[in-house]
């Protein structure tokens, strides 16, 4: 439990500068970060249905970690209090209590490359609402545990 909390604190501090930036700055910070070959990083998010997102990593990830909702957060970038699919308000920090849960989303691998995952929410994603997907603790297959972030990416509900 202590290790898990320590990992959350480290991830929160790693993401704090991104959450304090505006959307354009945060996207640029994630996009321009130097690639770290040992750590999978999120490279894309696409809404593929009213309640589904496809998340893409830059390399194959450990499937168990890739489908674990506790490794994902959705931040509202416009509201103080999280609504709709968001688990974080615009000024909130990542912690164990505000990660996605199995009650809110189901995650499954998509395709054969180990890089794509489908998040299916129990409600539709609000049209026109701005969010940021934040991912932490996901590793390559067979890699030791990782206590940092895998990046973040902004998106707007489409349907």
N, C-alpha and C. Protein backbone atom coordinates (compact mmCIF):
# COMPACT_ATOMS: atom_id res chain seq x y z
N UNK A 1 0.83 -1.19 0.00
CA UNK A 1 0.00 0.00 0.00
C UNK A 1 0.87 1.26 0.00
N UNK A 2 1.98 1.22 0.81
CA UNK A 2 2.86 2.38 0.85
C UNK A 2 3.50 2.62 -0.52
N UNK A 3 3.89 1.53 -1.19
CA UNK A 3 4.49 1.66 -2.51
C UNK A 3 3.50 2.26 -3.50
N UNK A 4 2.25 1.81 -3.44
CA UNK A 4 1.21 2.32 -4.35
C UNK A 4 1.00 3.82 -4.12
N UNK A 5 0.92 4.23 -2.85
CA UNK A 5 0.73 5.65 -2.55
C UNK A 5 1.93 6.48 -3.00
N UNK A 6 3.14 5.93 -2.81
CA UNK A 6 4.34 6.64 -3.25
C UNK A 6 4.31 6.81 -4.77
N UNK A 7 3.89 5.78 -5.50
CA UNK A 7 3.79 5.87 -6.95
C UNK A 7 2.79 6.94 -7.35
N UNK A 8 1.67 7.02 -6.64
CA UNK A 8 0.67 8.04 -6.96
C UNK A 8 1.21 9.44 -6.73
N UNK A 9 1.94 9.63 -5.63
CA UNK A 9 2.51 10.95 -5.33
C UNK A 9 3.51 11.35 -6.41
N UNK A 10 4.36 10.40 -6.82
CA UNK A 10 5.34 10.69 -7.86
C UNK A 10 4.65 11.05 -9.16
N UNK A 11 3.63 10.28 -9.52
CA UNK A 11 2.89 10.56 -10.75
C UNK A 11 2.21 11.93 -10.67
N UNK A 12 1.62 12.24 -9.52
CA UNK A 12 0.94 13.52 -9.35
C UNK A 12 1.92 14.68 -9.53
N UNK A 13 3.12 14.57 -8.93
CA UNK A 13 4.11 15.63 -9.08
C UNK A 13 4.61 15.71 -10.51
N UNK A 14 4.71 14.58 -11.19
CA UNK A 14 5.15 14.60 -12.58
C UNK A 14 4.13 15.29 -13.47
N UNK A 15 2.85 15.16 -13.15
CA UNK A 15 1.79 15.74 -13.98
C UNK A 15 1.37 17.13 -13.54
N UNK A 16 1.77 17.56 -12.34
CA UNK A 16 1.35 18.86 -11.83
C UNK A 16 1.68 20.00 -12.78
N UNK A 17 2.90 20.06 -13.36
CA UNK A 17 3.16 21.16 -14.30
C UNK A 17 2.22 21.14 -15.49
N UNK A 18 1.83 19.95 -15.97
CA UNK A 18 0.92 19.88 -17.12
C UNK A 18 -0.47 20.36 -16.75
N UNK A 19 -0.92 20.06 -15.53
CA UNK A 19 -2.27 20.46 -15.15
C UNK A 19 -2.35 21.95 -14.89
N UNK A 20 -1.22 22.60 -14.65
CA UNK A 20 -1.23 24.04 -14.39
C UNK A 20 -1.09 24.84 -15.68
N UNK A 21 -0.73 24.17 -16.79
CA UNK A 21 -0.61 24.84 -18.08
C UNK A 21 -1.96 24.94 -18.75
N UNK A 22 -2.06 25.80 -19.71
CA UNK A 22 -3.24 25.83 -20.57
C UNK A 22 -3.22 24.61 -21.48
N UNK A 23 -4.33 24.34 -22.14
CA UNK A 23 -4.41 23.16 -23.00
C UNK A 23 -3.33 23.14 -24.07
N UNK A 24 -3.12 24.27 -24.74
CA UNK A 24 -2.14 24.31 -25.83
C UNK A 24 -0.74 24.05 -25.31
N UNK A 25 -0.40 24.65 -24.17
CA UNK A 25 0.92 24.44 -23.60
C UNK A 25 1.11 23.00 -23.14
N UNK A 26 0.09 22.44 -22.50
CA UNK A 26 0.19 21.06 -22.02
C UNK A 26 0.34 20.10 -23.18
N UNK A 27 -0.42 20.29 -24.25
CA UNK A 27 -0.30 19.42 -25.42
C UNK A 27 1.09 19.53 -26.02
N UNK A 28 1.61 20.75 -26.10
CA UNK A 28 2.94 20.95 -26.65
C UNK A 28 3.99 20.28 -25.77
N UNK A 29 3.82 20.38 -24.44
CA UNK A 29 4.78 19.77 -23.53
C UNK A 29 4.81 18.26 -23.71
N UNK A 30 3.65 17.66 -23.87
CA UNK A 30 3.60 16.21 -24.07
C UNK A 30 4.15 15.85 -25.44
N UNK A 31 3.78 16.59 -26.46
CA UNK A 31 4.19 16.30 -27.82
C UNK A 31 5.69 16.47 -28.00
N UNK A 32 6.28 17.47 -27.36
CA UNK A 32 7.68 17.79 -27.57
C UNK A 32 8.61 17.07 -26.61
N UNK A 33 8.09 16.30 -25.67
CA UNK A 33 8.93 15.59 -24.72
C UNK A 33 9.81 14.59 -25.46
N UNK A 34 11.05 14.47 -25.02
CA UNK A 34 11.96 13.51 -25.63
C UNK A 34 11.46 12.10 -25.37
N UNK A 35 11.47 11.25 -26.40
CA UNK A 35 10.98 9.89 -26.20
C UNK A 35 11.88 9.10 -25.25
N UNK A 36 11.26 8.32 -24.40
CA UNK A 36 11.97 7.44 -23.48
C UNK A 36 11.64 6.03 -23.95
N UNK A 37 12.60 5.36 -24.54
CA UNK A 37 12.32 4.10 -25.23
C UNK A 37 11.82 2.99 -24.31
N UNK A 38 12.13 3.05 -23.03
CA UNK A 38 11.71 1.98 -22.13
C UNK A 38 10.31 2.18 -21.57
N UNK A 39 9.76 3.36 -21.71
CA UNK A 39 8.46 3.66 -21.13
C UNK A 39 7.46 3.94 -22.25
N UNK A 40 6.36 3.18 -22.31
CA UNK A 40 5.33 3.47 -23.31
C UNK A 40 4.69 4.84 -23.03
N UNK A 41 4.45 5.59 -24.08
CA UNK A 41 3.80 6.89 -23.96
C UNK A 41 2.55 6.92 -24.83
N UNK A 42 1.52 7.59 -24.33
CA UNK A 42 0.29 7.73 -25.10
C UNK A 42 0.57 8.64 -26.30
N UNK A 43 0.11 8.22 -27.47
CA UNK A 43 0.33 9.02 -28.68
C UNK A 43 -0.97 9.47 -29.33
N UNK A 44 -2.08 8.87 -28.92
CA UNK A 44 -3.33 9.28 -29.55
C UNK A 44 -4.55 8.84 -28.77
N UNK A 45 -5.62 9.61 -28.93
CA UNK A 45 -6.92 9.23 -28.39
C UNK A 45 -7.96 9.67 -29.42
N UNK A 46 -8.83 8.73 -29.79
CA UNK A 46 -9.89 9.02 -30.76
C UNK A 46 -11.20 8.52 -30.22
N UNK A 47 -12.23 9.33 -30.34
CA UNK A 47 -13.56 8.87 -29.96
C UNK A 47 -14.11 8.07 -31.13
N UNK A 48 -14.45 6.80 -30.88
CA UNK A 48 -14.91 5.92 -31.96
C UNK A 48 -16.39 5.57 -31.85
N UNK A 49 -17.01 5.94 -30.75
CA UNK A 49 -18.45 5.75 -30.54
C UNK A 49 -18.88 6.75 -29.48
N UNK A 50 -20.17 6.85 -29.25
CA UNK A 50 -20.69 7.82 -28.28
C UNK A 50 -20.11 7.62 -26.89
N UNK A 51 -19.74 6.37 -26.55
CA UNK A 51 -19.21 6.08 -25.22
C UNK A 51 -17.85 5.39 -25.27
N UNK A 52 -17.12 5.50 -26.39
CA UNK A 52 -15.85 4.79 -26.52
C UNK A 52 -14.71 5.68 -27.00
N UNK A 53 -13.53 5.42 -26.41
CA UNK A 53 -12.29 6.04 -26.85
C UNK A 53 -11.31 4.95 -27.24
N UNK A 54 -10.55 5.19 -28.31
CA UNK A 54 -9.42 4.32 -28.65
C UNK A 54 -8.15 5.06 -28.21
N UNK A 55 -7.36 4.41 -27.36
CA UNK A 55 -6.11 4.98 -26.86
C UNK A 55 -4.97 4.23 -27.52
N UNK A 56 -3.98 4.98 -28.02
CA UNK A 56 -2.84 4.38 -28.70
C UNK A 56 -1.55 4.78 -28.00
N UNK A 57 -0.69 3.79 -27.78
CA UNK A 57 0.64 4.00 -27.21
C UNK A 57 1.68 3.92 -28.32
N UNK A 58 2.89 4.43 -28.05
CA UNK A 58 3.95 4.42 -29.04
C UNK A 58 4.65 3.07 -29.18
N UNK A 59 4.33 2.13 -28.31
CA UNK A 59 4.94 0.80 -28.34
C UNK A 59 4.03 -0.17 -27.60
N UNK A 60 4.23 -1.47 -27.77
CA UNK A 60 3.39 -2.44 -27.06
C UNK A 60 3.51 -2.27 -25.55
N UNK A 61 2.38 -2.49 -24.86
CA UNK A 61 2.36 -2.36 -23.40
C UNK A 61 1.93 -3.67 -22.76
N UNK A 62 2.27 -3.82 -21.48
CA UNK A 62 1.81 -4.95 -20.69
C UNK A 62 0.28 -4.94 -20.69
N UNK A 63 -0.33 -6.00 -21.18
CA UNK A 63 -1.78 -6.03 -21.35
C UNK A 63 -2.52 -5.87 -20.02
N UNK A 64 -2.01 -6.46 -18.95
CA UNK A 64 -2.67 -6.35 -17.65
C UNK A 64 -2.71 -4.90 -17.19
N UNK A 65 -1.61 -4.18 -17.39
CA UNK A 65 -1.56 -2.77 -17.00
C UNK A 65 -2.36 -1.90 -17.96
N UNK A 66 -2.37 -2.27 -19.23
CA UNK A 66 -3.09 -1.51 -20.23
C UNK A 66 -4.60 -1.55 -20.06
N UNK A 67 -5.12 -2.63 -19.46
CA UNK A 67 -6.58 -2.74 -19.28
C UNK A 67 -7.03 -2.39 -17.86
N UNK A 68 -6.11 -1.95 -17.01
CA UNK A 68 -6.44 -1.62 -15.63
C UNK A 68 -6.96 -0.18 -15.53
N UNK A 69 -8.25 0.00 -15.20
CA UNK A 69 -8.80 1.36 -15.10
C UNK A 69 -8.07 2.25 -14.08
N UNK A 70 -7.45 1.64 -13.06
CA UNK A 70 -6.75 2.42 -12.04
C UNK A 70 -5.51 3.13 -12.57
N UNK A 71 -5.11 2.83 -13.80
CA UNK A 71 -3.96 3.49 -14.42
C UNK A 71 -4.37 4.67 -15.31
N UNK A 72 -5.67 4.99 -15.31
CA UNK A 72 -6.21 6.03 -16.19
C UNK A 72 -7.02 7.06 -15.39
N UNK A 73 -6.89 8.32 -15.80
CA UNK A 73 -7.67 9.41 -15.23
C UNK A 73 -8.23 10.24 -16.39
N UNK A 74 -9.41 10.79 -16.21
CA UNK A 74 -9.98 11.73 -17.17
C UNK A 74 -10.20 13.04 -16.42
N UNK A 75 -9.56 14.10 -16.90
CA UNK A 75 -9.68 15.41 -16.27
C UNK A 75 -10.54 16.32 -17.12
N UNK A 76 -11.49 16.99 -16.47
CA UNK A 76 -12.23 18.06 -17.15
C UNK A 76 -11.28 19.24 -17.25
N UNK A 77 -11.16 19.82 -18.43
CA UNK A 77 -10.26 20.97 -18.57
C UNK A 77 -11.00 22.29 -18.47
N UNK A 78 -12.32 22.23 -18.19
CA UNK A 78 -13.11 23.46 -18.12
C UNK A 78 -13.93 23.60 -16.85
N UNK A 79 -14.05 22.54 -16.07
CA UNK A 79 -14.93 22.57 -14.90
C UNK A 79 -14.15 22.24 -13.62
N UNK A 80 -14.49 22.96 -12.54
CA UNK A 80 -13.85 22.73 -11.25
C UNK A 80 -14.20 21.35 -10.69
N UNK A 81 -15.45 20.97 -10.84
CA UNK A 81 -15.93 19.69 -10.32
C UNK A 81 -16.08 18.73 -11.49
N UNK A 82 -15.53 17.51 -11.37
CA UNK A 82 -15.64 16.57 -12.49
C UNK A 82 -17.08 16.17 -12.77
N UNK A 83 -17.44 16.16 -14.03
CA UNK A 83 -18.76 15.71 -14.47
C UNK A 83 -18.59 14.79 -15.66
N UNK A 84 -19.66 14.13 -16.04
CA UNK A 84 -19.67 13.23 -17.17
C UNK A 84 -18.63 12.13 -16.94
N UNK A 85 -17.69 11.90 -17.86
CA UNK A 85 -16.73 10.82 -17.69
C UNK A 85 -15.51 11.23 -16.87
N UNK A 86 -15.40 12.52 -16.52
CA UNK A 86 -14.23 13.02 -15.80
C UNK A 86 -14.18 12.51 -14.37
N UNK A 87 -12.97 12.23 -13.91
CA UNK A 87 -12.74 11.87 -12.52
C UNK A 87 -11.95 12.96 -11.79
N UNK A 88 -11.47 13.94 -12.55
CA UNK A 88 -10.72 15.07 -11.99
C UNK A 88 -11.33 16.37 -12.47
N UNK A 89 -11.42 17.36 -11.57
CA UNK A 89 -11.75 18.70 -11.98
C UNK A 89 -10.52 19.36 -12.57
N UNK A 90 -10.69 20.53 -13.15
CA UNK A 90 -9.59 21.17 -13.87
C UNK A 90 -8.38 21.50 -13.00
N UNK A 91 -8.55 21.66 -11.69
CA UNK A 91 -7.43 21.98 -10.81
C UNK A 91 -7.05 20.82 -9.89
N UNK A 92 -7.63 19.66 -10.10
CA UNK A 92 -7.36 18.51 -9.24
C UNK A 92 -6.07 17.81 -9.66
N UNK A 93 -5.47 17.11 -8.70
CA UNK A 93 -4.28 16.31 -8.95
C UNK A 93 -4.63 14.83 -8.94
N UNK A 94 -3.87 14.06 -9.65
CA UNK A 94 -4.05 12.62 -9.73
C UNK A 94 -3.79 11.98 -8.37
N UNK A 95 -4.69 11.08 -7.94
CA UNK A 95 -4.44 10.25 -6.76
C UNK A 95 -5.25 8.96 -6.88
N UNK A 96 -5.04 8.05 -5.95
CA UNK A 96 -5.68 6.73 -6.01
C UNK A 96 -7.20 6.83 -5.96
N UNK A 97 -7.71 7.85 -5.32
CA UNK A 97 -9.16 7.97 -5.14
C UNK A 97 -9.89 8.55 -6.34
N UNK A 98 -9.16 9.12 -7.32
CA UNK A 98 -9.86 9.71 -8.45
C UNK A 98 -9.46 9.10 -9.80
N UNK A 99 -8.92 7.90 -9.76
CA UNK A 99 -8.66 7.16 -11.00
C UNK A 99 -9.98 6.61 -11.54
N UNK A 100 -9.99 6.22 -12.78
CA UNK A 100 -11.15 5.53 -13.32
C UNK A 100 -11.33 4.21 -12.58
N UNK A 101 -12.53 3.67 -12.59
CA UNK A 101 -12.82 2.40 -11.93
C UNK A 101 -13.55 1.48 -12.90
N UNK A 102 -13.59 0.21 -12.55
CA UNK A 102 -14.30 -0.78 -13.37
C UNK A 102 -15.79 -0.47 -13.42
N UNK A 103 -16.31 0.26 -12.45
CA UNK A 103 -17.72 0.65 -12.46
C UNK A 103 -17.99 1.74 -13.49
N UNK A 104 -16.97 2.51 -13.84
CA UNK A 104 -17.14 3.63 -14.76
C UNK A 104 -16.74 3.29 -16.20
N UNK A 105 -15.79 2.35 -16.35
CA UNK A 105 -15.24 2.05 -17.68
C UNK A 105 -14.76 0.60 -17.76
N UNK A 106 -14.91 0.02 -18.93
CA UNK A 106 -14.30 -1.27 -19.25
C UNK A 106 -13.21 -0.99 -20.28
N UNK A 107 -12.05 -1.63 -20.11
CA UNK A 107 -10.94 -1.41 -21.04
C UNK A 107 -10.53 -2.76 -21.62
N UNK A 108 -10.37 -2.79 -22.94
CA UNK A 108 -9.90 -4.02 -23.56
C UNK A 108 -8.91 -3.69 -24.67
N UNK A 109 -7.99 -4.64 -24.90
CA UNK A 109 -7.02 -4.48 -25.97
C UNK A 109 -7.74 -4.53 -27.31
N UNK A 110 -7.17 -3.83 -28.28
CA UNK A 110 -7.74 -3.79 -29.62
C UNK A 110 -6.63 -4.10 -30.62
N UNK A 111 -6.89 -5.00 -31.54
CA UNK A 111 -5.89 -5.34 -32.54
C UNK A 111 -4.83 -6.28 -31.98
N UNK A 112 -3.79 -6.50 -32.77
CA UNK A 112 -2.75 -7.47 -32.41
C UNK A 112 -1.41 -6.83 -32.06
N UNK A 113 -1.32 -5.51 -32.10
CA UNK A 113 -0.02 -4.88 -31.89
C UNK A 113 0.30 -4.56 -30.44
N UNK A 114 -0.65 -4.71 -29.52
CA UNK A 114 -0.41 -4.43 -28.11
C UNK A 114 -0.32 -2.95 -27.78
N UNK A 115 -0.67 -2.09 -28.74
CA UNK A 115 -0.55 -0.65 -28.54
C UNK A 115 -1.89 0.07 -28.46
N UNK A 116 -2.97 -0.60 -28.82
CA UNK A 116 -4.28 0.04 -28.88
C UNK A 116 -5.24 -0.57 -27.87
N UNK A 117 -5.99 0.31 -27.19
CA UNK A 117 -6.96 -0.12 -26.19
C UNK A 117 -8.25 0.66 -26.38
N UNK A 118 -9.37 0.00 -26.13
CA UNK A 118 -10.68 0.63 -26.23
C UNK A 118 -11.22 0.83 -24.82
N UNK A 119 -11.54 2.08 -24.48
CA UNK A 119 -12.19 2.40 -23.21
C UNK A 119 -13.67 2.57 -23.50
N UNK A 120 -14.50 1.73 -22.88
CA UNK A 120 -15.95 1.80 -23.05
C UNK A 120 -16.56 2.29 -21.75
N UNK A 121 -17.08 3.51 -21.76
CA UNK A 121 -17.65 4.12 -20.57
C UNK A 121 -19.10 3.68 -20.39
N UNK A 122 -19.59 3.74 -19.15
CA UNK A 122 -20.98 3.37 -18.87
C UNK A 122 -21.95 4.50 -19.18
N UNK A 123 -21.46 5.59 -19.75
CA UNK A 123 -22.29 6.71 -20.19
C UNK A 123 -21.65 7.33 -21.43
N UNK A 124 -22.43 8.07 -22.18
CA UNK A 124 -21.90 8.73 -23.36
C UNK A 124 -20.96 9.86 -22.97
N UNK A 125 -19.99 10.12 -23.82
CA UNK A 125 -19.05 11.21 -23.62
C UNK A 125 -19.76 12.50 -24.05
N UNK A 126 -19.76 13.49 -23.17
CA UNK A 126 -20.49 14.74 -23.44
C UNK A 126 -19.95 15.44 -24.68
N UNK A 127 -20.84 15.72 -25.60
CA UNK A 127 -20.48 16.40 -26.84
C UNK A 127 -19.99 17.81 -26.54
N UNK A 128 -18.85 18.18 -27.13
CA UNK A 128 -18.30 19.52 -26.99
C UNK A 128 -17.55 19.77 -25.70
N UNK A 129 -17.53 18.80 -24.80
CA UNK A 129 -16.84 18.97 -23.52
C UNK A 129 -15.36 18.61 -23.68
N UNK A 130 -14.48 19.44 -23.12
CA UNK A 130 -13.04 19.23 -23.23
C UNK A 130 -12.52 18.42 -22.05
N UNK A 131 -11.70 17.43 -22.36
CA UNK A 131 -11.13 16.53 -21.36
C UNK A 131 -9.64 16.35 -21.63
N UNK A 132 -8.95 15.82 -20.61
CA UNK A 132 -7.58 15.38 -20.77
C UNK A 132 -7.48 13.97 -20.21
N UNK A 133 -6.96 13.04 -21.01
CA UNK A 133 -6.69 11.68 -20.58
C UNK A 133 -5.29 11.65 -20.00
N UNK A 134 -5.15 11.15 -18.78
CA UNK A 134 -3.86 11.03 -18.10
C UNK A 134 -3.64 9.55 -17.80
N UNK A 135 -2.44 9.06 -18.11
CA UNK A 135 -2.13 7.65 -17.89
C UNK A 135 -0.85 7.54 -17.08
N UNK A 136 -0.84 6.62 -16.11
CA UNK A 136 0.34 6.36 -15.28
C UNK A 136 0.55 4.86 -15.11
N UNK A 137 1.79 4.48 -14.80
CA UNK A 137 2.17 3.13 -14.34
C UNK A 137 2.15 2.04 -15.40
N UNK A 138 1.95 2.36 -16.66
CA UNK A 138 1.89 1.33 -17.70
C UNK A 138 3.31 1.07 -18.21
N UNK A 139 3.66 -0.21 -18.33
CA UNK A 139 5.00 -0.61 -18.76
C UNK A 139 4.95 -1.44 -20.03
N UNK A 140 6.14 -1.71 -20.57
CA UNK A 140 6.26 -2.67 -21.66
C UNK A 140 6.06 -4.07 -21.09
N UNK A 141 5.71 -5.04 -21.92
CA UNK A 141 5.57 -6.41 -21.43
C UNK A 141 6.87 -6.89 -20.78
N UNK A 142 6.75 -7.47 -19.59
CA UNK A 142 7.91 -8.02 -18.89
C UNK A 142 8.79 -7.01 -18.19
N UNK A 143 8.46 -5.73 -18.27
CA UNK A 143 9.28 -4.69 -17.64
C UNK A 143 8.98 -4.61 -16.14
N UNK A 144 9.95 -4.11 -15.36
CA UNK A 144 9.69 -3.93 -13.92
C UNK A 144 8.64 -2.85 -13.70
N UNK A 145 8.07 -2.78 -12.50
CA UNK A 145 7.06 -1.75 -12.21
C UNK A 145 7.60 -0.34 -12.50
N UNK A 146 6.69 0.53 -12.89
CA UNK A 146 7.02 1.91 -13.23
C UNK A 146 6.12 2.82 -12.41
N UNK A 147 6.69 3.85 -11.79
CA UNK A 147 5.92 4.70 -10.89
C UNK A 147 5.68 6.10 -11.45
N UNK A 148 5.84 6.26 -12.74
CA UNK A 148 5.65 7.57 -13.33
C UNK A 148 4.47 7.61 -14.29
N UNK A 149 4.44 8.67 -15.09
CA UNK A 149 3.32 8.84 -16.01
C UNK A 149 3.69 8.36 -17.41
N UNK A 150 2.66 8.09 -18.18
CA UNK A 150 2.79 7.68 -19.57
C UNK A 150 2.28 8.77 -20.50
N UNK A 151 2.18 9.98 -19.97
CA UNK A 151 1.75 11.12 -20.76
C UNK A 151 0.28 11.43 -20.60
N UNK A 152 -0.12 12.49 -21.25
CA UNK A 152 -1.52 12.91 -21.25
C UNK A 152 -1.84 13.47 -22.62
N UNK A 153 -3.12 13.49 -22.93
CA UNK A 153 -3.54 13.97 -24.24
C UNK A 153 -4.95 14.53 -24.12
N UNK A 154 -5.18 15.67 -24.73
CA UNK A 154 -6.49 16.33 -24.65
C UNK A 154 -7.39 15.89 -25.79
N UNK A 155 -8.70 15.92 -25.52
CA UNK A 155 -9.69 15.60 -26.54
C UNK A 155 -11.00 16.29 -26.20
N UNK A 156 -11.88 16.38 -27.18
CA UNK A 156 -13.20 16.99 -27.01
C UNK A 156 -14.24 15.96 -27.42
N UNK A 157 -15.29 15.81 -26.60
CA UNK A 157 -16.37 14.88 -26.94
C UNK A 157 -17.00 15.24 -28.27
N UNK A 158 -17.18 14.25 -29.13
CA UNK A 158 -17.63 14.50 -30.50
C UNK A 158 -19.08 14.17 -30.76
N UNK A 159 -19.65 13.16 -30.09
CA UNK A 159 -20.95 12.66 -30.51
C UNK A 159 -22.06 13.03 -29.58
